[in-house]
């Protein structure tokens, strides 16, 4: 019984201690956000979601450089994506997935 408790406490402490460099990602949505969700989200949620979008695009082969999502560059690039989306939203009625694609192209990250 004590052994099980110690294992559970150890496992829980591991989940609570994320990498400080990527902890900001946990505030975003890995499945993305629609327009209404994006517009109502706070900056931390938008940033984390933008990071997840970049990682997903990289995983699916849509980005032209692996360094875009490297540990050193991901947060900076997610910030650029977030800023691009926030700048585009008032001038476009497209859904977020189309705007993300446009912003990836504008930033020169698209593999194509």
N, C-alpha and C. Protein backbone atom coordinates (compact mmCIF):
# COMPACT_ATOMS: atom_id res chain seq x y z
N UNK A 1 0.83 -1.20 0.00
CA UNK A 1 0.00 0.00 0.00
C UNK A 1 0.87 1.26 0.00
N UNK A 2 1.87 1.30 0.85
CA UNK A 2 2.77 2.44 0.92
C UNK A 2 3.52 2.59 -0.41
N UNK A 3 3.91 1.45 -0.98
CA UNK A 3 4.63 1.47 -2.25
C UNK A 3 3.78 2.11 -3.35
N UNK A 4 2.51 1.73 -3.41
CA UNK A 4 1.60 2.29 -4.41
C UNK A 4 1.44 3.79 -4.21
N UNK A 5 1.32 4.21 -2.97
CA UNK A 5 1.17 5.62 -2.67
C UNK A 5 2.40 6.41 -3.11
N UNK A 6 3.58 5.88 -2.84
CA UNK A 6 4.81 6.56 -3.25
C UNK A 6 4.93 6.65 -4.77
N UNK A 7 4.53 5.60 -5.45
CA UNK A 7 4.56 5.62 -6.92
C UNK A 7 3.59 6.67 -7.44
N UNK A 8 2.40 6.74 -6.86
CA UNK A 8 1.42 7.73 -7.30
C UNK A 8 1.90 9.15 -7.04
N UNK A 9 2.48 9.40 -5.87
CA UNK A 9 2.99 10.73 -5.55
C UNK A 9 4.12 11.10 -6.50
N UNK A 10 4.99 10.15 -6.79
CA UNK A 10 6.08 10.40 -7.73
C UNK A 10 5.57 10.73 -9.12
N UNK A 11 4.58 10.00 -9.57
CA UNK A 11 4.00 10.25 -10.90
C UNK A 11 3.33 11.62 -10.95
N UNK A 12 2.60 11.96 -9.92
CA UNK A 12 1.94 13.26 -9.89
C UNK A 12 2.94 14.40 -9.86
N UNK A 13 4.04 14.23 -9.16
CA UNK A 13 5.04 15.30 -9.12
C UNK A 13 5.70 15.48 -10.47
N UNK A 14 5.84 14.41 -11.23
CA UNK A 14 6.41 14.53 -12.58
C UNK A 14 5.49 15.33 -13.50
N UNK A 15 4.18 15.12 -13.38
CA UNK A 15 3.24 15.84 -14.22
C UNK A 15 3.21 17.32 -13.87
N UNK A 16 3.44 17.65 -12.63
CA UNK A 16 3.42 19.04 -12.20
C UNK A 16 4.68 19.80 -12.55
N UNK A 17 5.75 19.11 -12.87
CA UNK A 17 7.03 19.76 -13.15
C UNK A 17 7.32 19.72 -14.63
N UNK A 18 6.67 20.56 -15.38
CA UNK A 18 6.93 20.62 -16.81
C UNK A 18 8.18 21.43 -17.10
N UNK A 19 8.68 21.31 -18.29
CA UNK A 19 9.81 22.09 -18.74
C UNK A 19 9.39 23.54 -18.81
N UNK A 20 10.11 24.41 -18.12
CA UNK A 20 9.75 25.82 -18.08
C UNK A 20 9.76 26.45 -19.47
N UNK A 21 10.57 25.91 -20.37
CA UNK A 21 10.65 26.46 -21.73
C UNK A 21 9.41 26.15 -22.56
N UNK A 22 8.68 25.11 -22.21
CA UNK A 22 7.49 24.75 -22.98
C UNK A 22 6.22 24.75 -22.14
N UNK A 23 6.31 25.17 -20.90
CA UNK A 23 5.14 25.19 -20.03
C UNK A 23 4.05 26.12 -20.57
N UNK A 24 4.43 27.15 -21.28
CA UNK A 24 3.47 28.08 -21.87
C UNK A 24 2.53 27.38 -22.85
N UNK A 25 3.01 26.29 -23.47
CA UNK A 25 2.17 25.53 -24.41
C UNK A 25 0.94 24.94 -23.73
N UNK A 26 1.07 24.60 -22.46
CA UNK A 26 -0.03 23.94 -21.75
C UNK A 26 -1.23 24.86 -21.58
N UNK A 27 -1.05 26.15 -21.80
CA UNK A 27 -2.16 27.10 -21.67
C UNK A 27 -2.98 27.19 -22.95
N UNK A 28 -2.48 26.59 -24.03
CA UNK A 28 -3.18 26.62 -25.30
C UNK A 28 -3.96 25.35 -25.56
N UNK A 29 -4.66 25.34 -26.67
CA UNK A 29 -5.47 24.19 -27.07
C UNK A 29 -4.79 23.46 -28.21
N UNK A 30 -4.48 22.20 -28.00
CA UNK A 30 -3.79 21.41 -29.03
C UNK A 30 -4.68 21.14 -30.23
N UNK A 31 -5.97 21.25 -30.07
CA UNK A 31 -6.90 21.03 -31.18
C UNK A 31 -7.29 22.34 -31.87
N UNK A 32 -6.71 23.44 -31.42
CA UNK A 32 -6.98 24.74 -32.03
C UNK A 32 -8.21 25.41 -31.47
N UNK A 33 -8.52 26.56 -32.04
CA UNK A 33 -9.68 27.34 -31.64
C UNK A 33 -10.38 27.87 -32.89
N UNK A 34 -11.70 27.97 -32.81
CA UNK A 34 -12.43 28.62 -33.91
C UNK A 34 -12.33 30.14 -33.71
N UNK A 35 -12.93 30.90 -34.60
CA UNK A 35 -12.84 32.37 -34.53
C UNK A 35 -13.32 32.91 -33.19
N UNK A 36 -14.49 32.46 -32.76
CA UNK A 36 -15.05 32.97 -31.51
C UNK A 36 -14.15 32.60 -30.33
N UNK A 37 -13.65 31.39 -30.33
CA UNK A 37 -12.75 30.96 -29.27
C UNK A 37 -11.47 31.75 -29.25
N UNK A 38 -10.91 32.00 -30.44
CA UNK A 38 -9.67 32.77 -30.54
C UNK A 38 -9.90 34.21 -30.05
N UNK A 39 -10.97 34.82 -30.51
CA UNK A 39 -11.23 36.22 -30.16
C UNK A 39 -11.51 36.40 -28.66
N UNK A 40 -12.05 35.38 -28.02
CA UNK A 40 -12.36 35.50 -26.60
C UNK A 40 -11.23 34.98 -25.70
N UNK A 41 -10.21 34.37 -26.29
CA UNK A 41 -9.11 33.80 -25.51
C UNK A 41 -8.16 34.89 -25.04
N UNK A 42 -7.55 34.66 -23.88
CA UNK A 42 -6.53 35.60 -23.42
C UNK A 42 -5.22 35.34 -24.17
N UNK A 43 -4.26 36.23 -23.99
CA UNK A 43 -3.00 36.16 -24.73
C UNK A 43 -2.24 34.85 -24.47
N UNK A 44 -2.26 34.36 -23.24
CA UNK A 44 -1.56 33.11 -22.92
C UNK A 44 -2.18 31.93 -23.66
N UNK A 45 -3.49 31.90 -23.72
CA UNK A 45 -4.18 30.82 -24.44
C UNK A 45 -3.91 30.92 -25.93
N UNK A 46 -3.94 32.12 -26.47
CA UNK A 46 -3.64 32.30 -27.89
C UNK A 46 -2.21 31.87 -28.20
N UNK A 47 -1.27 32.26 -27.37
CA UNK A 47 0.14 31.91 -27.59
C UNK A 47 0.33 30.40 -27.56
N UNK A 48 -0.22 29.74 -26.55
CA UNK A 48 -0.09 28.29 -26.46
C UNK A 48 -0.74 27.58 -27.63
N UNK A 49 -1.89 28.08 -28.06
CA UNK A 49 -2.59 27.48 -29.20
C UNK A 49 -1.78 27.68 -30.48
N UNK A 50 -1.22 28.86 -30.66
CA UNK A 50 -0.38 29.12 -31.84
C UNK A 50 0.82 28.18 -31.85
N UNK A 51 1.40 27.92 -30.69
CA UNK A 51 2.51 26.97 -30.60
C UNK A 51 2.09 25.57 -31.00
N UNK A 52 0.92 25.16 -30.55
CA UNK A 52 0.40 23.83 -30.93
C UNK A 52 0.14 23.76 -32.43
N UNK A 53 -0.39 24.83 -33.01
CA UNK A 53 -0.62 24.84 -34.45
C UNK A 53 0.69 24.66 -35.20
N UNK A 54 1.73 25.39 -34.78
CA UNK A 54 3.03 25.27 -35.46
C UNK A 54 3.59 23.86 -35.34
N UNK A 55 3.48 23.29 -34.15
CA UNK A 55 3.98 21.92 -33.97
C UNK A 55 3.21 20.93 -34.85
N UNK A 56 1.91 21.10 -34.95
CA UNK A 56 1.10 20.22 -35.78
C UNK A 56 1.45 20.39 -37.26
N UNK A 57 1.61 21.62 -37.70
CA UNK A 57 1.98 21.88 -39.09
C UNK A 57 3.35 21.27 -39.40
N UNK A 58 4.27 21.37 -38.45
CA UNK A 58 5.59 20.78 -38.64
C UNK A 58 5.49 19.26 -38.74
N UNK A 59 4.72 18.68 -37.83
CA UNK A 59 4.55 17.22 -37.80
C UNK A 59 3.96 16.70 -39.11
N UNK A 60 3.08 17.49 -39.71
CA UNK A 60 2.41 17.08 -40.95
C UNK A 60 3.13 17.53 -42.21
N UNK A 61 4.33 18.08 -42.05
CA UNK A 61 5.17 18.41 -43.20
C UNK A 61 4.83 19.69 -43.94
N UNK A 62 4.15 20.63 -43.30
CA UNK A 62 3.77 21.86 -43.98
C UNK A 62 4.75 23.01 -43.78
N UNK A 63 5.69 22.88 -42.85
CA UNK A 63 6.65 23.96 -42.62
C UNK A 63 7.97 23.64 -43.30
N UNK A 64 8.65 24.67 -43.77
CA UNK A 64 9.84 24.48 -44.58
C UNK A 64 11.15 24.35 -43.81
N UNK A 65 11.10 24.48 -42.49
CA UNK A 65 12.33 24.43 -41.71
C UNK A 65 12.01 23.89 -40.31
N UNK A 66 12.73 22.86 -39.92
CA UNK A 66 12.48 22.26 -38.60
C UNK A 66 12.80 23.22 -37.46
N UNK A 67 13.66 24.19 -37.70
CA UNK A 67 14.03 25.12 -36.63
C UNK A 67 12.87 26.03 -36.22
N UNK A 68 11.84 26.12 -37.04
CA UNK A 68 10.67 26.94 -36.71
C UNK A 68 10.05 26.48 -35.40
N UNK A 69 10.07 25.18 -35.17
CA UNK A 69 9.48 24.63 -33.94
C UNK A 69 10.53 24.10 -32.98
N UNK A 70 11.77 24.51 -33.16
CA UNK A 70 12.81 24.07 -32.22
C UNK A 70 12.55 24.72 -30.87
N UNK A 71 13.10 24.14 -29.84
CA UNK A 71 12.89 24.64 -28.49
C UNK A 71 13.29 26.11 -28.37
N UNK A 72 14.33 26.51 -29.10
CA UNK A 72 14.82 27.88 -29.02
C UNK A 72 13.92 28.86 -29.76
N UNK A 73 13.21 28.42 -30.79
CA UNK A 73 12.45 29.33 -31.66
C UNK A 73 10.94 29.23 -31.54
N UNK A 74 10.43 28.17 -30.96
CA UNK A 74 8.99 27.92 -30.99
C UNK A 74 8.18 29.07 -30.38
N UNK A 75 8.56 29.52 -29.21
CA UNK A 75 7.77 30.57 -28.55
C UNK A 75 7.81 31.87 -29.35
N UNK A 76 8.96 32.22 -29.87
CA UNK A 76 9.09 33.43 -30.68
C UNK A 76 8.22 33.33 -31.95
N UNK A 77 8.26 32.19 -32.60
CA UNK A 77 7.47 32.00 -33.81
C UNK A 77 5.98 31.91 -33.51
N UNK A 78 5.63 31.30 -32.38
CA UNK A 78 4.22 31.26 -31.97
C UNK A 78 3.71 32.68 -31.70
N UNK A 79 4.57 33.52 -31.16
CA UNK A 79 4.20 34.92 -30.93
C UNK A 79 3.95 35.63 -32.26
N UNK A 80 4.82 35.38 -33.25
CA UNK A 80 4.62 35.97 -34.58
C UNK A 80 3.30 35.50 -35.20
N UNK A 81 3.01 34.21 -35.06
CA UNK A 81 1.76 33.67 -35.60
C UNK A 81 0.56 34.29 -34.89
N UNK A 82 0.63 34.39 -33.57
CA UNK A 82 -0.45 34.98 -32.79
C UNK A 82 -0.69 36.43 -33.21
N UNK A 83 0.38 37.20 -33.36
CA UNK A 83 0.25 38.60 -33.76
C UNK A 83 -0.34 38.73 -35.16
N UNK A 84 0.08 37.86 -36.06
CA UNK A 84 -0.46 37.87 -37.42
C UNK A 84 -1.96 37.57 -37.40
N UNK A 85 -2.35 36.56 -36.65
CA UNK A 85 -3.77 36.22 -36.56
C UNK A 85 -4.59 37.36 -35.97
N UNK A 86 -4.08 37.96 -34.92
CA UNK A 86 -4.81 39.06 -34.28
C UNK A 86 -4.91 40.28 -35.20
N UNK A 87 -3.90 40.48 -36.04
CA UNK A 87 -3.94 41.59 -36.99
C UNK A 87 -4.91 41.30 -38.13
N UNK A 88 -5.03 40.04 -38.53
CA UNK A 88 -5.87 39.67 -39.67
C UNK A 88 -7.35 39.53 -39.31
N UNK A 89 -7.65 39.12 -38.10
CA UNK A 89 -9.04 38.84 -37.72
C UNK A 89 -10.02 39.97 -38.02
N UNK A 90 -9.69 41.22 -37.69
CA UNK A 90 -10.68 42.29 -37.95
C UNK A 90 -10.96 42.54 -39.43
N UNK A 91 -10.07 42.09 -40.30
CA UNK A 91 -10.20 42.38 -41.73
C UNK A 91 -10.62 41.18 -42.56
N UNK A 92 -10.85 40.05 -41.91
CA UNK A 92 -11.19 38.83 -42.64
C UNK A 92 -12.27 38.07 -41.90
N UNK A 93 -13.14 37.42 -42.65
CA UNK A 93 -14.16 36.59 -42.03
C UNK A 93 -13.82 35.11 -42.17
N UNK A 94 -12.60 34.80 -42.61
CA UNK A 94 -12.18 33.41 -42.76
C UNK A 94 -12.07 32.73 -41.39
N UNK A 95 -12.22 31.41 -41.42
CA UNK A 95 -12.02 30.63 -40.20
C UNK A 95 -10.54 30.61 -39.84
N UNK A 96 -10.26 30.30 -38.60
CA UNK A 96 -8.88 30.39 -38.11
C UNK A 96 -7.92 29.48 -38.88
N UNK A 97 -8.36 28.30 -39.30
CA UNK A 97 -7.43 27.42 -40.00
C UNK A 97 -6.94 28.04 -41.30
N UNK A 98 -7.81 28.78 -42.00
CA UNK A 98 -7.39 29.47 -43.23
C UNK A 98 -6.46 30.65 -42.91
N UNK A 99 -6.77 31.35 -41.83
CA UNK A 99 -5.91 32.47 -41.43
C UNK A 99 -4.54 31.98 -40.97
N UNK A 100 -4.52 30.85 -40.27
CA UNK A 100 -3.23 30.27 -39.87
C UNK A 100 -2.41 29.97 -41.11
N UNK A 101 -3.02 29.36 -42.11
CA UNK A 101 -2.31 29.04 -43.36
C UNK A 101 -1.78 30.32 -44.01
N UNK A 102 -2.60 31.36 -44.05
CA UNK A 102 -2.16 32.63 -44.63
C UNK A 102 -0.99 33.21 -43.85
N UNK A 103 -1.06 33.17 -42.53
CA UNK A 103 0.01 33.72 -41.70
C UNK A 103 1.30 32.91 -41.85
N UNK A 104 1.18 31.61 -42.00
CA UNK A 104 2.36 30.77 -42.23
C UNK A 104 3.02 31.18 -43.54
N UNK A 105 2.23 31.45 -44.55
CA UNK A 105 2.77 31.90 -45.85
C UNK A 105 3.40 33.28 -45.73
N UNK A 106 2.72 34.20 -45.05
CA UNK A 106 3.23 35.57 -44.87
C UNK A 106 4.58 35.55 -44.16
N UNK A 107 4.73 34.67 -43.19
CA UNK A 107 5.99 34.58 -42.44
C UNK A 107 7.06 33.79 -43.17
N UNK A 108 6.74 33.25 -44.33
CA UNK A 108 7.73 32.52 -45.11
C UNK A 108 8.04 31.14 -44.60
N UNK A 109 7.10 30.55 -43.87
CA UNK A 109 7.33 29.24 -43.27
C UNK A 109 6.75 28.09 -44.09
N UNK A 110 5.93 28.40 -45.07
CA UNK A 110 5.22 27.37 -45.82
C UNK A 110 6.16 26.58 -46.71
N UNK A 111 6.01 25.29 -46.66
CA UNK A 111 6.80 24.39 -47.51
C UNK A 111 6.02 24.19 -48.80
N UNK A 112 6.44 24.81 -49.83
CA UNK A 112 5.69 24.63 -51.05
C UNK A 112 6.24 25.39 -52.14
